[in-house]
Amino acid sequence: MSRKTLPWFETLTDSVYALGAAARETRTAHQAAQAATAQYDLDRVHLLDGEITVPGLFTPPRPHDRAVTGIGKALQECRDRMERLYTDAALSYAYGTAWAILRVLDGQEPPRVELCLTAEGGLIIPAQLAPIPPAIEGLGRWRDNAKFEKARQRWWDCDSAGEYASALDEEDYLTDHEAYEMHLAFAEASGLADAAYAYGVLAESALRFTLLGTRARHTHP
């Protein structure tokens, strides 16, 4: 059987799996970039005192400082880029899989996940799923439904923390207490990509559960 003749639920499953694979690849790349950046933390590296003379420069440069600082800056830029890629891939996985589940439960037969992207390739969150997908009815018999709802709540908490921190950050003046709250909120919001990825993993399993009846009817018409 060629891909062109595969039933819609097989190509839909492949579509979701590809979103998950993209999230896993970018997650691994982000973790690697974080580890590499940590190796060049200036609080951990012992910088050597040797200097060199460069005609025209009043202050003699220190080659080891320059190398470590340059490497650290480049790795930090890479880490930030990997973080953006991971976040975008994790959100695409989570939103895309939730979209698929809701369509199947509604009796539709989408052959693949449908996502809208910006001109730069960023995800446009589906309006019906914003700010995060709602609790999905119809999964009551699925054994991991409670875990799924817990993952959804974690994602909600991270998203809400990000909104709160951004709102505080836009204020002209913050009290010490508000500044502390903003710091805590940004720290919690930093878990957004991991939360969306964890939701996506469970959502992919939920989709397979949702398609059990469809597969059975297809196998034994």
C-alpha atoms as a PDB file:
ATOM      1  CA  MET A   1       0.000   0.000   0.000  1.00  0.00           C
ATOM      2  CA  SER A   2       1.462   3.357  -1.032  1.00  0.00           C
ATOM      3  CA  ARG A   3       1.203   6.532   1.008  1.00  0.00           C
ATOM      4  CA  LYS A   4      -1.353   7.836  -1.488  1.00  0.00           C
ATOM      5  CA  THR A   5      -3.661   4.932  -0.691  1.00  0.00           C
ATOM      6  CA  LEU A   6      -3.243   4.923   3.094  1.00  0.00           C
ATOM      7  CA  PRO A   7      -6.482   5.563   5.004  1.00  0.00           C
ATOM      8  CA  TRP A   8      -6.908   9.039   6.469  1.00  0.00           C
ATOM      9  CA  PHE A   9      -6.291   7.943  10.062  1.00  0.00           C
ATOM     10  CA  GLU A  10      -2.880   6.514   9.140  1.00  0.00           C
ATOM     11  CA  THR A  11      -1.691   9.707   7.452  1.00  0.00           C
ATOM     12  CA  LEU A  12      -3.106  11.733  10.350  1.00  0.00           C
ATOM     13  CA  THR A  13      -1.162   9.587  12.801  1.00  0.00           C
ATOM     14  CA  ASP A  14       1.976  10.037  10.687  1.00  0.00           C
ATOM     15  CA  SER A  15       1.395  13.792  10.678  1.00  0.00           C
ATOM     16  CA  VAL A  16       1.227  13.926  14.473  1.00  0.00           C
ATOM     17  CA  TYR A  17       4.243  11.648  14.842  1.00  0.00           C
ATOM     18  CA  ALA A  18       6.252  13.973  12.589  1.00  0.00           C
ATOM     19  CA  LEU A  19       5.322  16.926  14.814  1.00  0.00           C
ATOM     20  CA  GLY A  20       6.496  14.930  17.815  1.00  0.00           C
ATOM     21  CA  ALA A  21       9.750  14.014  16.096  1.00  0.00           C
ATOM     22  CA  ALA A  22      10.398  17.689  15.345  1.00  0.00           C
ATOM     23  CA  ALA A  23       9.777  18.574  18.991  1.00  0.00           C
ATOM     24  CA  ARG A  24      12.122  15.825  20.188  1.00  0.00           C
ATOM     25  CA  GLU A  25      14.891  16.887  17.812  1.00  0.00           C
ATOM     26  CA  THR A  26      14.714  20.534  18.873  1.00  0.00           C
ATOM     27  CA  ARG A  27      14.427  19.532  22.536  1.00  0.00           C
ATOM     28  CA  THR A  28      17.658  17.536  22.268  1.00  0.00           C
ATOM     29  CA  ALA A  29      19.371  20.369  20.407  1.00  0.00           C
ATOM     30  CA  HIS A  30      18.264  22.869  23.058  1.00  0.00           C
ATOM     31  CA  GLN A  31      19.561  20.672  25.875  1.00  0.00           C
ATOM     32  CA  ALA A  32      22.897  20.296  24.087  1.00  0.00           C
ATOM     33  CA  ALA A  33      23.137  24.057  23.586  1.00  0.00           C
ATOM     34  CA  GLN A  34      22.368  24.638  27.278  1.00  0.00           C
ATOM     35  CA  ALA A  35      25.108  22.210  28.319  1.00  0.00           C
ATOM     36  CA  ALA A  36      27.643  23.752  25.950  1.00  0.00           C
ATOM     37  CA  THR A  37      26.850  27.270  27.164  1.00  0.00           C
ATOM     38  CA  ALA A  38      27.260  26.226  30.793  1.00  0.00           C
ATOM     39  CA  GLN A  39      30.835  25.126  30.084  1.00  0.00           C
ATOM     40  CA  TYR A  40      31.758  28.745  29.331  1.00  0.00           C
ATOM     41  CA  ASP A  41      30.110  30.392  32.332  1.00  0.00           C
ATOM     42  CA  LEU A  42      32.551  33.145  33.327  1.00  0.00           C
ATOM     43  CA  ASP A  43      31.915  32.372  36.995  1.00  0.00           C
ATOM     44  CA  ARG A  44      33.321  28.871  36.444  1.00  0.00           C
ATOM     45  CA  VAL A  45      36.170  29.394  33.966  1.00  0.00           C
ATOM     46  CA  HIS A  46      39.553  30.415  35.360  1.00  0.00           C
ATOM     47  CA  LEU A  47      40.753  33.173  33.018  1.00  0.00           C
ATOM     48  CA  LEU A  48      44.513  33.414  32.501  1.00  0.00           C
ATOM     49  CA  ASP A  49      46.271  36.752  33.016  1.00  0.00           C
ATOM     50  CA  GLY A  50      48.528  36.719  29.937  1.00  0.00           C
ATOM     51  CA  GLU A  51      48.285  39.713  27.610  1.00  0.00           C
ATOM     52  CA  ILE A  52      49.393  40.508  24.068  1.00  0.00           C
ATOM     53  CA  THR A  53      50.372  43.757  22.416  1.00  0.00           C
ATOM     54  CA  VAL A  54      48.357  45.017  19.462  1.00  0.00           C
ATOM     55  CA  PRO A  55      49.692  48.214  17.833  1.00  0.00           C
ATOM     56  CA  GLY A  56      47.188  51.028  18.195  1.00  0.00           C
ATOM     57  CA  LEU A  57      45.379  49.601  21.225  1.00  0.00           C
ATOM     58  CA  PHE A  58      45.949  51.402  24.518  1.00  0.00           C
ATOM     59  CA  THR A  59      44.761  48.492  26.675  1.00  0.00           C
ATOM     60  CA  PRO A  60      46.595  45.220  25.941  1.00  0.00           C
ATOM     61  CA  PRO A  61      44.053  42.479  25.122  1.00  0.00           C
ATOM     62  CA  ARG A  62      44.002  39.197  27.032  1.00  0.00           C
ATOM     63  CA  PRO A  63      43.644  36.396  24.468  1.00  0.00           C
ATOM     64  CA  HIS A  64      42.131  33.853  26.831  1.00  0.00           C
ATOM     65  CA  ASP A  65      39.476  36.343  27.984  1.00  0.00           C
ATOM     66  CA  ARG A  66      38.671  37.196  24.394  1.00  0.00           C
ATOM     67  CA  ALA A  67      38.348  33.554  23.347  1.00  0.00           C
ATOM     68  CA  VAL A  68      36.182  32.506  26.291  1.00  0.00           C
ATOM     69  CA  THR A  69      33.958  35.582  26.007  1.00  0.00           C
ATOM     70  CA  GLY A  70      33.547  35.102  22.262  1.00  0.00           C
ATOM     71  CA  ILE A  71      32.731  31.437  22.617  1.00  0.00           C
ATOM     72  CA  GLY A  72      30.276  32.157  25.412  1.00  0.00           C
ATOM     73  CA  LYS A  73      28.491  34.818  23.371  1.00  0.00           C
ATOM     74  CA  ALA A  74      28.237  32.581  20.317  1.00  0.00           C
ATOM     75  CA  LEU A  75      26.962  29.657  22.377  1.00  0.00           C
ATOM     76  CA  GLN A  76      24.421  31.854  24.144  1.00  0.00           C
ATOM     77  CA  GLU A  77      23.101  33.045  20.788  1.00  0.00           C
ATOM     78  CA  CYS A  78      22.876  29.409  19.689  1.00  0.00           C
ATOM     79  CA  ARG A  79      21.106  28.450  22.924  1.00  0.00           C
ATOM     80  CA  ASP A  80      18.565  31.245  22.487  1.00  0.00           C
ATOM     81  CA  ARG A  81      17.960  30.176  18.898  1.00  0.00           C
ATOM     82  CA  MET A  82      17.520  26.534  19.919  1.00  0.00           C
ATOM     83  CA  GLU A  83      15.119  27.604  22.657  1.00  0.00           C
ATOM     84  CA  ARG A  84      12.962  29.445  20.127  1.00  0.00           C
ATOM     85  CA  LEU A  85      13.006  26.458  17.773  1.00  0.00           C
ATOM     86  CA  TYR A  86      12.126  24.057  20.580  1.00  0.00           C
ATOM     87  CA  THR A  87       9.313  26.253  21.861  1.00  0.00           C
ATOM     88  CA  ASP A  88       7.820  26.601  18.395  1.00  0.00           C
ATOM     89  CA  ALA A  89       8.092  22.855  17.713  1.00  0.00           C
ATOM     90  CA  ALA A  90       6.655  21.895  21.111  1.00  0.00           C
ATOM     91  CA  LEU A  91       3.712  24.251  20.688  1.00  0.00           C
ATOM     92  CA  SER A  92       3.071  22.985  17.159  1.00  0.00           C
ATOM     93  CA  TYR A  93       3.072  19.413  18.490  1.00  0.00           C
ATOM     94  CA  ALA A  94       0.700  20.218  21.342  1.00  0.00           C
ATOM     95  CA  TYR A  95      -1.741  22.414  19.436  1.00  0.00           C
ATOM     96  CA  GLY A  96      -1.633  20.264  16.313  1.00  0.00           C
ATOM     97  CA  THR A  97      -2.393  17.045  18.168  1.00  0.00           C
ATOM     98  CA  ALA A  98      -5.192  18.649  20.185  1.00  0.00           C
ATOM     99  CA  TRP A  99      -6.635  19.944  16.908  1.00  0.00           C
ATOM    100  CA  ALA A 100      -6.568  16.409  15.486  1.00  0.00           C
ATOM    101  CA  ILE A 101      -8.281  14.872  18.530  1.00  0.00           C
ATOM    102  CA  LEU A 102     -11.089  17.415  18.478  1.00  0.00           C
ATOM    103  CA  ARG A 103     -11.674  16.888  14.751  1.00  0.00           C
ATOM    104  CA  VAL A 104     -11.844  13.105  15.132  1.00  0.00           C
ATOM    105  CA  LEU A 105     -14.201  13.329  18.115  1.00  0.00           C
ATOM    106  CA  ASP A 106     -16.375  15.653  16.022  1.00  0.00           C
ATOM    107  CA  GLY A 107     -16.725  12.922  13.396  1.00  0.00           C
ATOM    108  CA  GLN A 108     -14.367  14.479  10.854  1.00  0.00           C
ATOM    109  CA  GLU A 109     -11.670  12.617   8.917  1.00  0.00           C
ATOM    110  CA  PRO A 110      -8.681  14.949   8.517  1.00  0.00           C
ATOM    111  CA  PRO A 111      -5.846  13.275   6.550  1.00  0.00           C
ATOM    112  CA  ARG A 112      -3.233  15.385   8.295  1.00  0.00           C
ATOM    113  CA  VAL A 113      -2.808  18.094  10.940  1.00  0.00           C
ATOM    114  CA  GLU A 114      -3.611  21.592   9.721  1.00  0.00           C
ATOM    115  CA  LEU A 115      -1.562  24.463  11.146  1.00  0.00           C
ATOM    116  CA  CYS A 116      -1.229  28.094  10.068  1.00  0.00           C
ATOM    117  CA  LEU A 117       2.206  29.746  10.046  1.00  0.00           C
ATOM    118  CA  THR A 118       3.426  33.322   9.864  1.00  0.00           C
ATOM    119  CA  ALA A 119       5.574  34.525   6.970  1.00  0.00           C
ATOM    120  CA  GLU A 120       8.610  33.817   9.178  1.00  0.00           C
ATOM    121  CA  GLY A 121       7.458  30.262   9.843  1.00  0.00           C
ATOM    122  CA  GLY A 122       6.170  30.833  13.375  1.00  0.00           C
ATOM    123  CA  LEU A 123       3.035  29.110  14.626  1.00  0.00           C
ATOM    124  CA  ILE A 124      -0.301  30.916  14.559  1.00  0.00           C
ATOM    125  CA  ILE A 125      -2.292  29.485  17.471  1.00  0.00           C
ATOM    126  CA  PRO A 126      -5.690  28.224  16.294  1.00  0.00           C
ATOM    127  CA  ALA A 127      -8.343  30.590  17.628  1.00  0.00           C
ATOM    128  CA  GLN A 128     -10.485  27.768  19.028  1.00  0.00           C
ATOM    129  CA  LEU A 129      -7.515  26.429  21.002  1.00  0.00           C
ATOM    130  CA  ALA A 130      -6.214  29.718  22.427  1.00  0.00           C
ATOM    131  CA  PRO A 131      -4.634  30.394  24.806  1.00  0.00           C
ATOM    132  CA  ILE A 132      -4.275  26.631  25.367  1.00  0.00           C
ATOM    133  CA  PRO A 133      -6.585  23.776  24.329  1.00  0.00           C
ATOM    134  CA  PRO A 134      -9.681  23.245  26.492  1.00  0.00           C
ATOM    135  CA  ALA A 135     -10.296  20.102  28.501  1.00  0.00           C
ATOM    136  CA  ILE A 136     -11.294  17.482  25.928  1.00  0.00           C
ATOM    137  CA  GLU A 137     -14.498  15.569  26.517  1.00  0.00           C
ATOM    138  CA  GLY A 138     -14.838  12.049  25.179  1.00  0.00           C
ATOM    139  CA  LEU A 139     -11.665  10.676  26.771  1.00  0.00           C
ATOM    140  CA  GLY A 140     -13.227   9.528  30.040  1.00  0.00           C
ATOM    141  CA  ARG A 141     -12.481   5.843  29.373  1.00  0.00           C
ATOM    142  CA  TRP A 142      -8.839   6.491  28.507  1.00  0.00           C
ATOM    143  CA  ARG A 143      -6.591   5.373  31.350  1.00  0.00           C
ATOM    144  CA  ASP A 144      -4.266   8.406  31.122  1.00  0.00           C
ATOM    145  CA  ASN A 145      -7.000  11.041  30.984  1.00  0.00           C
ATOM    146  CA  ALA A 146      -6.171  12.330  34.483  1.00  0.00           C
ATOM    147  CA  LYS A 147      -2.476  12.670  33.538  1.00  0.00           C
ATOM    148  CA  PHE A 148      -3.536  14.465  30.361  1.00  0.00           C
ATOM    149  CA  GLU A 149      -5.586  17.000  32.308  1.00  0.00           C
ATOM    150  CA  LYS A 150      -2.721  17.484  34.769  1.00  0.00           C
ATOM    151  CA  ALA A 151      -0.353  18.189  31.848  1.00  0.00           C
ATOM    152  CA  ARG A 152      -2.877  20.645  30.423  1.00  0.00           C
ATOM    153  CA  GLN A 153      -3.058  22.432  33.775  1.00  0.00           C
ATOM    154  CA  ARG A 154       0.753  22.653  33.937  1.00  0.00           C
ATOM    155  CA  TRP A 155       0.808  24.180  30.462  1.00  0.00           C
ATOM    156  CA  TRP A 156      -1.897  26.643  31.541  1.00  0.00           C
ATOM    157  CA  ASP A 157       0.124  27.645  34.613  1.00  0.00           C
ATOM    158  CA  CYS A 158       3.255  28.327  32.536  1.00  0.00           C
ATOM    159  CA  ASP A 159       1.300  30.300  29.946  1.00  0.00           C
ATOM    160  CA  SER A 160      -0.486  32.355  32.604  1.00  0.00           C
ATOM    161  CA  ALA A 161       2.793  33.050  34.400  1.00  0.00           C
ATOM    162  CA  GLY A 162       4.282  34.344  31.158  1.00  0.00           C
ATOM    163  CA  GLU A 163       1.342  36.692  30.608  1.00  0.00           C
ATOM    164  CA  TYR A 164       1.568  37.971  34.179  1.00  0.00           C
ATOM    165  CA  ALA A 165       5.333  38.490  34.030  1.00  0.00           C
ATOM    166  CA  SER A 166       5.073  40.339  30.705  1.00  0.00           C
ATOM    167  CA  ALA A 167       2.377  42.621  32.096  1.00  0.00           C
ATOM    168  CA  LEU A 168       4.557  43.493  35.106  1.00  0.00           C
ATOM    169  CA  ASP A 169       7.576  44.004  32.873  1.00  0.00           C
ATOM    170  CA  GLU A 170       5.710  46.710  30.958  1.00  0.00           C
ATOM    171  CA  GLU A 171       5.079  48.762  34.105  1.00  0.00           C
ATOM    172  CA  ASP A 172       7.167  51.900  34.575  1.00  0.00           C
ATOM    173  CA  TYR A 173       7.669  51.227  38.273  1.00  0.00           C
ATOM    174  CA  LEU A 174       7.579  48.066  40.373  1.00  0.00           C
ATOM    175  CA  THR A 175       7.704  47.658  44.113  1.00  0.00           C
ATOM    176  CA  ASP A 176      10.220  45.196  45.511  1.00  0.00           C
ATOM    177  CA  HIS A 177       7.408  42.714  46.025  1.00  0.00           C
ATOM    178  CA  GLU A 178       6.177  43.101  42.444  1.00  0.00           C
ATOM    179  CA  ALA A 179       9.710  42.743  41.094  1.00  0.00           C
ATOM    180  CA  TYR A 180      10.063  39.517  43.083  1.00  0.00           C
ATOM    181  CA  GLU A 181       6.742  38.245  41.749  1.00  0.00           C
ATOM    182  CA  MET A 182       7.843  39.077  38.200  1.00  0.00           C
ATOM    183  CA  HIS A 183      11.061  37.121  38.722  1.00  0.00           C
ATOM    184  CA  LEU A 184       9.107  34.092  39.978  1.00  0.00           C
ATOM    185  CA  ALA A 185       6.613  34.346  37.128  1.00  0.00           C
ATOM    186  CA  PHE A 186       9.336  34.478  34.473  1.00  0.00           C
ATOM    187  CA  ALA A 187      10.974  31.437  36.097  1.00  0.00           C
ATOM    188  CA  GLU A 188       7.722  29.464  35.908  1.00  0.00           C
ATOM    189  CA  ALA A 189       7.040  30.668  32.360  1.00  0.00           C
ATOM    190  CA  SER A 190      10.421  29.294  31.279  1.00  0.00           C
ATOM    191  CA  GLY A 191       8.902  25.822  31.548  1.00  0.00           C
ATOM    192  CA  LEU A 192       6.381  26.532  28.776  1.00  0.00           C
ATOM    193  CA  ALA A 193       8.097  24.507  26.042  1.00  0.00           C
ATOM    194  CA  ASP A 194       8.593  21.474  28.299  1.00  0.00           C
ATOM    195  CA  ALA A 195       4.975  21.710  29.455  1.00  0.00           C
ATOM    196  CA  ALA A 196       3.662  21.888  25.885  1.00  0.00           C
ATOM    197  CA  TYR A 197       5.890  18.970  24.871  1.00  0.00           C
ATOM    198  CA  ALA A 198       4.655  16.837  27.785  1.00  0.00           C
ATOM    199  CA  TYR A 199       1.081  17.663  26.785  1.00  0.00           C
ATOM    200  CA  GLY A 200       1.850  16.733  23.193  1.00  0.00           C
ATOM    201  CA  VAL A 201       3.219  13.318  24.190  1.00  0.00           C
ATOM    202  CA  LEU A 202       0.027  12.485  26.077  1.00  0.00           C
ATOM    203  CA  ALA A 203      -2.138  14.025  23.352  1.00  0.00           C
ATOM    204  CA  GLU A 204      -0.535  11.732  20.785  1.00  0.00           C
ATOM    205  CA  SER A 205      -1.466   8.761  22.955  1.00  0.00           C
ATOM    206  CA  ALA A 206      -4.974  10.196  23.348  1.00  0.00           C
ATOM    207  CA  LEU A 207      -5.310  10.425  19.578  1.00  0.00           C
ATOM    208  CA  ARG A 208      -4.410   6.751  19.214  1.00  0.00           C
ATOM    209  CA  PHE A 209      -7.086   5.926  21.780  1.00  0.00           C
ATOM    210  CA  THR A 210      -9.599   8.066  19.918  1.00  0.00           C
ATOM    211  CA  LEU A 211      -8.856   6.211  16.687  1.00  0.00           C
ATOM    212  CA  LEU A 212      -9.240   2.689  18.128  1.00  0.00           C
ATOM    213  CA  GLY A 213     -12.801   2.322  16.928  1.00  0.00           C
ATOM    214  CA  THR A 214     -11.986   3.690  13.498  1.00  0.00           C
ATOM    215  CA  ARG A 215      -9.093   1.274  13.071  1.00  0.00           C
ATOM    216  CA  ALA A 216     -11.225  -1.655  14.194  1.00  0.00           C
ATOM    217  CA  ARG A 217     -13.982  -0.830  11.720  1.00  0.00           C
ATOM    218  CA  HIS A 218     -11.437  -0.474   8.951  1.00  0.00           C
ATOM    219  CA  THR A 219      -9.826  -3.827   9.756  1.00  0.00           C
ATOM    220  CA  HIS A 220     -13.106  -5.686  10.253  1.00  0.00           C
ATOM    221  CA  PRO A 221     -15.725  -3.870   8.199  1.00  0.00           C
END
